[in-house]
C-alpha atoms as a PDB file:
ATOM      1  CA  MET A   1     192.862  25.288 266.602  1.00  0.00           C
ATOM      2  CA  PRO A   2     189.246  25.057 267.905  1.00  0.00           C
ATOM      3  CA  ASP A   3     188.407  22.296 270.383  1.00  0.00           C
ATOM      4  CA  HIS A   4     185.900  20.637 268.157  1.00  0.00           C
ATOM      5  CA  ILE A   5     188.501  20.102 265.319  1.00  0.00           C
ATOM      6  CA  LEU A   6     191.113  17.262 265.734  1.00  0.00           C
ATOM      7  CA  GLU A   7     194.704  17.468 264.626  1.00  0.00           C
ATOM      8  CA  SER A   8     193.678  15.598 261.275  1.00  0.00           C
ATOM      9  CA  GLY A   9     191.445  18.524 260.565  1.00  0.00           C
ATOM     10  CA  ASP A  10     188.228  16.515 261.104  1.00  0.00           C
ATOM     11  CA  SER A  11     185.532  17.075 263.644  1.00  0.00           C
ATOM     12  CA  PRO A  12     185.016  14.256 266.317  1.00  0.00           C
ATOM     13  CA  ASP A  13     181.616  13.403 264.825  1.00  0.00           C
ATOM     14  CA  LEU A  14     183.230  12.825 261.423  1.00  0.00           C
ATOM     15  CA  GLU A  15     186.045  10.621 262.797  1.00  0.00           C
ATOM     16  CA  ALA A  16     183.476   8.649 264.756  1.00  0.00           C
ATOM     17  CA  LEU A  17     181.524   8.022 261.522  1.00  0.00           C
ATOM     18  CA  PHE A  18     184.570   6.753 259.700  1.00  0.00           C
ATOM     19  CA  ASP A  19     185.517   4.594 262.618  1.00  0.00           C
ATOM     20  CA  SER A  20     182.076   3.105 262.791  1.00  0.00           C
ATOM     21  CA  ILE A  21     182.084   2.507 259.072  1.00  0.00           C
ATOM     22  CA  ALA A  22     185.572   0.683 259.319  1.00  0.00           C
ATOM     23  CA  ALA A  23     184.317  -1.309 262.448  1.00  0.00           C
ATOM     24  CA  SER A  24     181.098  -2.470 260.521  1.00  0.00           C
ATOM     25  CA  GLN A  25     183.207  -3.435 257.519  1.00  0.00           C
ATOM     26  CA  GLN A  26     185.578  -5.538 259.737  1.00  0.00           C
ATOM     27  CA  GLN A  27     182.601  -7.215 261.394  1.00  0.00           C
ATOM     28  CA  GLN A  28     181.075  -8.013 257.977  1.00  0.00           C
ATOM     29  CA  LYS A  29     184.444  -9.711 256.913  1.00  0.00           C
ATOM     30  CA  GLU A  30     184.462 -12.066 259.833  1.00  0.00           C
ATOM     31  CA  PRO A  31     181.210 -13.701 259.379  1.00  0.00           C
ATOM     32  CA  GLU A  32     181.834 -14.119 255.575  1.00  0.00           C
ATOM     33  CA  ALA A  33     184.905 -16.162 256.322  1.00  0.00           C
ATOM     34  CA  ALA A  34     182.817 -18.579 258.390  1.00  0.00           C
ATOM     35  CA  SER A  35     179.956 -18.647 255.779  1.00  0.00           C
ATOM     36  CA  THR A  36     182.051 -19.394 252.859  1.00  0.00           C
ATOM     37  CA  THR A  37     183.042 -22.844 254.426  1.00  0.00           C
ATOM     38  CA  SER A  38     179.422 -23.878 254.086  1.00  0.00           C
ATOM     39  CA  ALA A  39     178.273 -25.764 251.043  1.00  0.00           C
ATOM     40  CA  GLY A  40     175.511 -25.615 248.572  1.00  0.00           C
ATOM     41  CA  SER A  41     172.991 -22.793 248.892  1.00  0.00           C
ATOM     42  CA  ALA A  42     175.062 -21.313 251.723  1.00  0.00           C
ATOM     43  CA  SER A  43     177.798 -20.665 249.379  1.00  0.00           C
ATOM     44  CA  THR A  44     175.456 -18.719 246.958  1.00  0.00           C
ATOM     45  CA  ALA A  45     174.248 -16.607 249.974  1.00  0.00           C
ATOM     46  CA  ALA A  46     177.798 -16.076 251.151  1.00  0.00           C
ATOM     47  CA  SER A  47     178.824 -14.877 247.615  1.00  0.00           C
ATOM     48  CA  ASN A  48     175.871 -12.458 247.728  1.00  0.00           C
ATOM     49  CA  GLU A  49     176.943 -11.239 251.126  1.00  0.00           C
ATOM     50  CA  THR A  50     180.578 -10.983 250.068  1.00  0.00           C
ATOM     51  CA  SER A  51     179.662  -8.917 247.007  1.00  0.00           C
ATOM     52  CA  THR A  52     177.594  -6.630 249.117  1.00  0.00           C
ATOM     53  CA  ALA A  53     180.352  -6.406 251.700  1.00  0.00           C
ATOM     54  CA  VAL A  54     182.958  -5.647 249.006  1.00  0.00           C
ATOM     55  CA  MET A  55     180.722  -2.853 247.686  1.00  0.00           C
ATOM     56  CA  TYR A  56     180.393  -1.374 251.084  1.00  0.00           C
ATOM     57  CA  GLU A  57     184.086  -1.584 251.596  1.00  0.00           C
ATOM     58  CA  GLN A  58     184.805   0.006 248.298  1.00  0.00           C
ATOM     59  CA  ILE A  59     182.152   2.819 249.138  1.00  0.00           C
ATOM     60  CA  GLY A  60     183.987   3.385 252.450  1.00  0.00           C
ATOM     61  CA  GLN A  61     187.284   3.585 250.896  1.00  0.00           C
ATOM     62  CA  LEU A  62     186.237   6.005 248.324  1.00  0.00           C
ATOM     63  CA  THR A  63     184.618   8.116 250.910  1.00  0.00           C
ATOM     64  CA  ARG A  64     187.637   8.253 252.998  1.00  0.00           C
ATOM     65  CA  LYS A  65     189.924   8.891 250.032  1.00  0.00           C
ATOM     66  CA  MET A  66     187.684  11.794 248.817  1.00  0.00           C
ATOM     67  CA  HIS A  67     187.575  13.159 252.364  1.00  0.00           C
ATOM     68  CA  ASP A  68     191.428  13.075 252.629  1.00  0.00           C
ATOM     69  CA  ALA A  69     191.907  14.578 249.269  1.00  0.00           C
ATOM     70  CA  LEU A  70     189.452  17.513 250.182  1.00  0.00           C
ATOM     71  CA  ARG A  71     191.297  17.959 253.428  1.00  0.00           C
ATOM     72  CA  ASP A  72     194.679  17.895 251.844  1.00  0.00           C
ATOM     73  CA  LEU A  73     193.524  20.439 249.154  1.00  0.00           C
ATOM     74  CA  GLY A  74     192.265  22.674 251.859  1.00  0.00           C
ATOM     75  CA  TYR A  75     188.670  22.544 250.486  1.00  0.00           C
ATOM     76  CA  ASP A  76     187.384  21.391 253.874  1.00  0.00           C
ATOM     77  CA  LYS A  77     188.107  24.776 255.293  1.00  0.00           C
ATOM     78  CA  SER A  78     186.673  26.466 252.174  1.00  0.00           C
ATOM     79  CA  LEU A  79     183.507  24.314 252.558  1.00  0.00           C
ATOM     80  CA  GLU A  80     183.137  25.252 256.226  1.00  0.00           C
ATOM     81  CA  LYS A  81     183.618  28.980 255.367  1.00  0.00           C
ATOM     82  CA  VAL A  82     180.876  28.598 252.673  1.00  0.00           C
ATOM     83  CA  ALA A  83     178.654  26.919 255.136  1.00  0.00           C
ATOM     84  CA  ASP A  84     179.157  29.658 257.667  1.00  0.00           C
ATOM     85  CA  ALA A  85     178.536  32.382 255.044  1.00  0.00           C
ATOM     86  CA  ILE A  86     175.177  30.990 253.953  1.00  0.00           C
ATOM     87  CA  PRO A  87     173.283  32.225 257.074  1.00  0.00           C
ATOM     88  CA  ASP A  88     174.899  35.638 256.692  1.00  0.00           C
ATOM     89  CA  ALA A  89     173.976  35.751 252.914  1.00  0.00           C
ATOM     90  CA  LYS A  90     170.366  34.784 253.923  1.00  0.00           C
ATOM     91  CA  ASP A  91     170.178  37.592 256.417  1.00  0.00           C
ATOM     92  CA  ARG A  92     171.522  39.945 253.894  1.00  0.00           C
ATOM     93  CA  LEU A  93     168.991  38.929 251.268  1.00  0.00           C
ATOM     94  CA  SER A  94     166.092  39.241 253.794  1.00  0.00           C
ATOM     95  CA  TYR A  95     167.272  42.757 254.649  1.00  0.00           C
ATOM     96  CA  ILE A  96     167.443  43.663 250.859  1.00  0.00           C
ATOM     97  CA  ALA A  97     163.837  42.274 250.444  1.00  0.00           C
ATOM     98  CA  SER A  98     162.590  44.307 253.317  1.00  0.00           C
ATOM     99  CA  LEU A  99     164.236  47.429 251.938  1.00  0.00           C
ATOM    100  CA  THR A 100     162.810  46.860 248.566  1.00  0.00           C
ATOM    101  CA  GLU A 101     159.332  46.155 250.078  1.00  0.00           C
ATOM    102  CA  SER A 102     159.523  49.406 252.006  1.00  0.00           C
ATOM    103  CA  ALA A 103     160.621  51.515 248.953  1.00  0.00           C
ATOM    104  CA  ALA A 104     157.770  49.965 246.852  1.00  0.00           C
ATOM    105  CA  GLU A 105     155.254  50.812 249.564  1.00  0.00           C
ATOM    106  CA  ARG A 106     156.592  54.408 249.614  1.00  0.00           C
ATOM    107  CA  VAL A 107     156.387  54.724 245.869  1.00  0.00           C
ATOM    108  CA  LEU A 108     152.951  53.297 245.697  1.00  0.00           C
ATOM    109  CA  ASN A 109     151.706  55.728 248.535  1.00  0.00           C
ATOM    110  CA  ALA A 110     153.413  58.746 246.753  1.00  0.00           C
ATOM    111  CA  THR A 111     151.622  57.767 243.568  1.00  0.00           C
ATOM    112  CA  ASP A 112     148.207  57.491 245.329  1.00  0.00           C
ATOM    113  CA  LEU A 113     148.852  61.038 246.899  1.00  0.00           C
ATOM    114  CA  ALA A 114     149.839  62.553 243.538  1.00  0.00           C
ATOM    115  CA  LYS A 115     147.001  61.201 241.599  1.00  0.00           C
ATOM    116  CA  PRO A 116     144.541  64.131 242.370  1.00  0.00           C
ATOM    117  CA  TYR A 117     147.255  66.674 241.674  1.00  0.00           C
ATOM    118  CA  GLN A 118     147.915  65.033 238.267  1.00  0.00           C
ATOM    119  CA  ASP A 119     144.317  64.992 237.482  1.00  0.00           C
ATOM    120  CA  ASP A 120     143.924  68.719 238.346  1.00  0.00           C
ATOM    121  CA  LEU A 121     147.065  69.656 236.316  1.00  0.00           C
ATOM    122  CA  GLU A 122     145.676  67.719 233.324  1.00  0.00           C
ATOM    123  CA  SER A 123     142.292  69.489 233.388  1.00  0.00           C
ATOM    124  CA  ARG A 124     144.034  72.980 233.719  1.00  0.00           C
ATOM    125  CA  ALA A 125     146.428  71.990 230.845  1.00  0.00           C
ATOM    126  CA  LYS A 126     143.304  71.228 228.621  1.00  0.00           C
ATOM    127  CA  LEU A 127     141.782  74.609 229.585  1.00  0.00           C
ATOM    128  CA  LEU A 128     145.033  76.392 228.699  1.00  0.00           C
ATOM    129  CA  SER A 129     145.378  74.562 225.451  1.00  0.00           C
ATOM    130  CA  GLU A 130     141.836  75.712 224.457  1.00  0.00           C
ATOM    131  CA  ARG A 131     142.631  79.236 225.349  1.00  0.00           C
ATOM    132  CA  TRP A 132     145.781  79.167 223.206  1.00  0.00           C
ATOM    133  CA  ASN A 133     143.814  77.782 220.362  1.00  0.00           C
ATOM    134  CA  LEU A 134     141.249  80.655 220.814  1.00  0.00           C
ATOM    135  CA  LEU A 135     144.197  83.179 220.911  1.00  0.00           C
ATOM    136  CA  TYR A 136     145.849  81.804 217.651  1.00  0.00           C
ATOM    137  CA  ALA A 137     142.343  81.906 216.031  1.00  0.00           C
ATOM    138  CA  ASN A 138     142.056  85.641 217.005  1.00  0.00           C
ATOM    139  CA  GLN A 139     138.908  84.913 218.970  1.00  0.00           C
ATOM    140  CA  LEU A 140     140.117  86.254 222.298  1.00  0.00           C
END
């Protein structure tokens, strides 16, 4: 297993993020307990803070559950592979675009070179057609 992946399958940065979210949620719970003992408008402010803290806690729990589910299903590896494949696909598309550009330039250059030959061929074909018409009219 690479050094930058922990046994849980998470990178150290991701684990640190989840730990910081859990710590901030714990810190938010402690002041809420103290603020709920205040009376009057303080209780209204505390209830607003409590609902906000509950919302953040639920978001943190959902995020953790989603992350664990993705890891359990093996999608974290799939997502990592896809993320690694994007630069490769980008390089391939750039290569294809450069080949297409090169081919288009060659076709346009060949068309420019062939134009005088095509004009000459057209004028000779008209002369030949006129001579055939004279031959069929018994004028030659």
